[in-house]
Amino acid sequence: MVAGARPDPGAEPRTYVRVAGVPAVWFLSLDAASLVFATIGRALYGLRYRVATMTAEEAAGQTRFRSAGPGGSFAADYAPAGRSLAPSRRRSSTSSSSVTASSRSGAAG
């Protein structure tokens, strides 16, 4: 995080694969809401980050996330699906999340 910078949404939908028996991660898309962060991601990691228009909104206990850029879009709505405990009471939470997602993409790997 850059000092003084506000957090921007980012999306990294991915799947886990094996290549010649070695575990790996295949990124379906690497989206950043900022040209600065997309450029840094490309320069530091050699990955194909793209600049996308992104929103993340919370209402009535549900989060709605949207990302759209060159080559595709991604949308997900999610909310807790179970009882949630405050982190200070217990080390691990017993809650789970329910996610509904859709995407259209010219996938980047």
C-alpha atoms as a PDB file:
ATOM      1  CA  MET A   1       0.000   0.000   0.000  1.00  0.00           C
ATOM      2  CA  VAL A   2       1.285   3.431  -0.897  1.00  0.00           C
ATOM      3  CA  ALA A   3       1.320   5.815   2.092  1.00  0.00           C
ATOM      4  CA  GLY A   4      -1.602   8.213   1.905  1.00  0.00           C
ATOM      5  CA  ALA A   5      -3.283   6.330  -0.936  1.00  0.00           C
ATOM      6  CA  ARG A   6      -6.869   5.239  -0.583  1.00  0.00           C
ATOM      7  CA  PRO A   7      -7.611   1.549  -1.096  1.00  0.00           C
ATOM      8  CA  ASP A   8      -8.919   0.750  -4.567  1.00  0.00           C
ATOM      9  CA  PRO A   9     -10.982  -2.319  -5.335  1.00  0.00           C
ATOM     10  CA  GLY A  10      -9.187  -5.111  -7.133  1.00  0.00           C
ATOM     11  CA  ALA A  11     -10.252  -8.463  -8.571  1.00  0.00           C
ATOM     12  CA  GLU A  12      -8.181 -11.565  -9.142  1.00  0.00           C
ATOM     13  CA  PRO A  13     -10.538 -14.434 -10.039  1.00  0.00           C
ATOM     14  CA  ARG A  14      -8.367 -17.526 -10.213  1.00  0.00           C
ATOM     15  CA  THR A  15      -8.306 -21.284 -10.292  1.00  0.00           C
ATOM     16  CA  TYR A  16      -5.763 -23.689  -8.876  1.00  0.00           C
ATOM     17  CA  VAL A  17      -4.067 -26.052 -11.331  1.00  0.00           C
ATOM     18  CA  ARG A  18      -1.187 -28.474 -11.632  1.00  0.00           C
ATOM     19  CA  VAL A  19       1.441 -28.048 -14.334  1.00  0.00           C
ATOM     20  CA  ALA A  20       3.636 -31.123 -14.786  1.00  0.00           C
ATOM     21  CA  GLY A  21       2.523 -32.158 -11.283  1.00  0.00           C
ATOM     22  CA  VAL A  22       3.460 -28.818  -9.700  1.00  0.00           C
ATOM     23  CA  PRO A  23       0.660 -26.811  -8.000  1.00  0.00           C
ATOM     24  CA  ALA A  24       0.096 -23.403  -9.601  1.00  0.00           C
ATOM     25  CA  VAL A  25      -2.399 -20.550  -9.789  1.00  0.00           C
ATOM     26  CA  TRP A  26      -4.059 -19.545 -13.079  1.00  0.00           C
ATOM     27  CA  PHE A  27      -5.468 -16.011 -12.957  1.00  0.00           C
ATOM     28  CA  LEU A  28      -8.576 -15.658 -15.105  1.00  0.00           C
ATOM     29  CA  SER A  29      -8.246 -11.900 -14.888  1.00  0.00           C
ATOM     30  CA  LEU A  30      -6.154  -9.366 -12.964  1.00  0.00           C
ATOM     31  CA  ASP A  31      -8.139  -6.153 -12.607  1.00  0.00           C
ATOM     32  CA  ALA A  32      -7.069  -2.942 -10.886  1.00  0.00           C
ATOM     33  CA  ALA A  33      -9.155   0.214 -10.521  1.00  0.00           C
ATOM     34  CA  SER A  34      -6.061   2.394 -10.820  1.00  0.00           C
ATOM     35  CA  LEU A  35      -3.617   2.802 -13.702  1.00  0.00           C
ATOM     36  CA  VAL A  36      -0.871   3.283 -11.083  1.00  0.00           C
ATOM     37  CA  PHE A  37      -1.551  -0.085  -9.406  1.00  0.00           C
ATOM     38  CA  ALA A  38      -1.979  -1.883 -12.736  1.00  0.00           C
ATOM     39  CA  THR A  39       1.376  -0.493 -13.904  1.00  0.00           C
ATOM     40  CA  ILE A  40       3.107  -1.465 -10.653  1.00  0.00           C
ATOM     41  CA  GLY A  41       1.629  -4.982 -10.856  1.00  0.00           C
ATOM     42  CA  ARG A  42       2.870  -5.369 -14.416  1.00  0.00           C
ATOM     43  CA  ALA A  43       6.350  -4.020 -13.615  1.00  0.00           C
ATOM     44  CA  LEU A  44       6.944  -5.859 -10.318  1.00  0.00           C
ATOM     45  CA  TYR A  45       5.333  -9.202 -11.081  1.00  0.00           C
ATOM     46  CA  GLY A  46       5.287  -9.413 -14.874  1.00  0.00           C
ATOM     47  CA  LEU A  47       1.537 -10.128 -14.755  1.00  0.00           C
ATOM     48  CA  ARG A  48      -1.083  -8.813 -17.175  1.00  0.00           C
ATOM     49  CA  TYR A  49      -3.030  -6.446 -14.933  1.00  0.00           C
ATOM     50  CA  ARG A  50      -5.685  -4.415 -16.717  1.00  0.00           C
ATOM     51  CA  VAL A  51      -7.374  -1.196 -15.684  1.00  0.00           C
ATOM     52  CA  ALA A  52     -11.077  -1.740 -15.042  1.00  0.00           C
ATOM     53  CA  THR A  53     -14.032   0.262 -13.791  1.00  0.00           C
ATOM     54  CA  MET A  54     -14.836  -1.275 -10.414  1.00  0.00           C
ATOM     55  CA  THR A  55     -17.380  -0.785  -7.662  1.00  0.00           C
ATOM     56  CA  ALA A  56     -17.839  -2.411  -4.271  1.00  0.00           C
ATOM     57  CA  GLU A  57     -20.970  -1.486  -2.330  1.00  0.00           C
ATOM     58  CA  GLU A  58     -22.383  -2.719   0.960  1.00  0.00           C
ATOM     59  CA  ALA A  59     -26.072  -2.614   1.852  1.00  0.00           C
ATOM     60  CA  ALA A  60     -28.253  -4.613   4.229  1.00  0.00           C
ATOM     61  CA  GLY A  61     -25.389  -6.980   5.129  1.00  0.00           C
ATOM     62  CA  GLN A  62     -24.631  -7.857   1.511  1.00  0.00           C
ATOM     63  CA  THR A  63     -21.678  -6.842  -0.653  1.00  0.00           C
ATOM     64  CA  ARG A  64     -22.100  -6.176  -4.373  1.00  0.00           C
ATOM     65  CA  PHE A  65     -18.926  -6.147  -6.479  1.00  0.00           C
ATOM     66  CA  ARG A  66     -18.678  -5.226 -10.166  1.00  0.00           C
ATOM     67  CA  SER A  67     -15.695  -4.994 -12.499  1.00  0.00           C
ATOM     68  CA  ALA A  68     -15.724  -4.166 -16.223  1.00  0.00           C
ATOM     69  CA  GLY A  69     -12.810  -3.557 -18.528  1.00  0.00           C
ATOM     70  CA  PRO A  70     -11.362  -4.433 -21.919  1.00  0.00           C
ATOM     71  CA  GLY A  71     -12.155  -8.048 -22.743  1.00  0.00           C
ATOM     72  CA  GLY A  72     -14.778  -8.823 -20.116  1.00  0.00           C
ATOM     73  CA  SER A  73     -16.633  -8.197 -16.913  1.00  0.00           C
ATOM     74  CA  PHE A  74     -17.153  -9.816 -13.509  1.00  0.00           C
ATOM     75  CA  ALA A  75     -19.984  -9.458 -10.993  1.00  0.00           C
ATOM     76  CA  ALA A  76     -20.491 -11.013  -7.554  1.00  0.00           C
ATOM     77  CA  ASP A  77     -22.974 -10.529  -4.734  1.00  0.00           C
ATOM     78  CA  TYR A  78     -22.097 -12.097  -1.394  1.00  0.00           C
ATOM     79  CA  ALA A  79     -23.107 -12.138   2.251  1.00  0.00           C
ATOM     80  CA  PRO A  80     -22.471 -14.212   5.376  1.00  0.00           C
ATOM     81  CA  ALA A  81     -24.478 -17.441   5.361  1.00  0.00           C
ATOM     82  CA  GLY A  82     -24.088 -18.375   9.007  1.00  0.00           C
ATOM     83  CA  ARG A  83     -23.526 -17.127  12.491  1.00  0.00           C
ATOM     84  CA  SER A  84     -20.632 -14.700  12.789  1.00  0.00           C
ATOM     85  CA  LEU A  85     -18.484 -14.210  15.880  1.00  0.00           C
ATOM     86  CA  ALA A  86     -16.447 -11.135  16.718  1.00  0.00           C
ATOM     87  CA  PRO A  87     -12.721 -11.820  16.065  1.00  0.00           C
ATOM     88  CA  SER A  88     -11.799 -10.835  19.629  1.00  0.00           C
ATOM     89  CA  ARG A  89     -13.946 -13.637  21.072  1.00  0.00           C
ATOM     90  CA  ARG A  90     -12.547 -16.482  19.053  1.00  0.00           C
ATOM     91  CA  ARG A  91      -9.585 -17.126  16.753  1.00  0.00           C
ATOM     92  CA  SER A  92     -11.565 -18.573  13.854  1.00  0.00           C
ATOM     93  CA  SER A  93     -15.013 -17.645  12.680  1.00  0.00           C
ATOM     94  CA  THR A  94     -17.730 -20.213  12.160  1.00  0.00           C
ATOM     95  CA  SER A  95     -19.381 -18.187   9.440  1.00  0.00           C
ATOM     96  CA  SER A  96     -19.298 -19.036   5.777  1.00  0.00           C
ATOM     97  CA  SER A  97     -20.142 -16.958   2.748  1.00  0.00           C
ATOM     98  CA  SER A  98     -22.670 -17.407   0.029  1.00  0.00           C
ATOM     99  CA  VAL A  99     -21.438 -16.158  -3.327  1.00  0.00           C
ATOM    100  CA  THR A 100     -23.271 -15.684  -6.590  1.00  0.00           C
ATOM    101  CA  ALA A 101     -20.906 -14.700  -9.369  1.00  0.00           C
ATOM    102  CA  SER A 102     -21.011 -14.242 -13.094  1.00  0.00           C
ATOM    103  CA  SER A 103     -18.301 -13.343 -15.523  1.00  0.00           C
ATOM    104  CA  ARG A 104     -17.750 -12.779 -19.201  1.00  0.00           C
ATOM    105  CA  SER A 105     -14.168 -12.732 -20.205  1.00  0.00           C
ATOM    106  CA  GLY A 106     -11.515 -12.981 -22.792  1.00  0.00           C
ATOM    107  CA  ALA A 107      -9.503 -14.705 -20.026  1.00  0.00           C
ATOM    108  CA  ALA A 108      -6.020 -13.543 -19.213  1.00  0.00           C
ATOM    109  CA  GLY A 109      -3.653 -16.235 -17.976  1.00  0.00           C
END
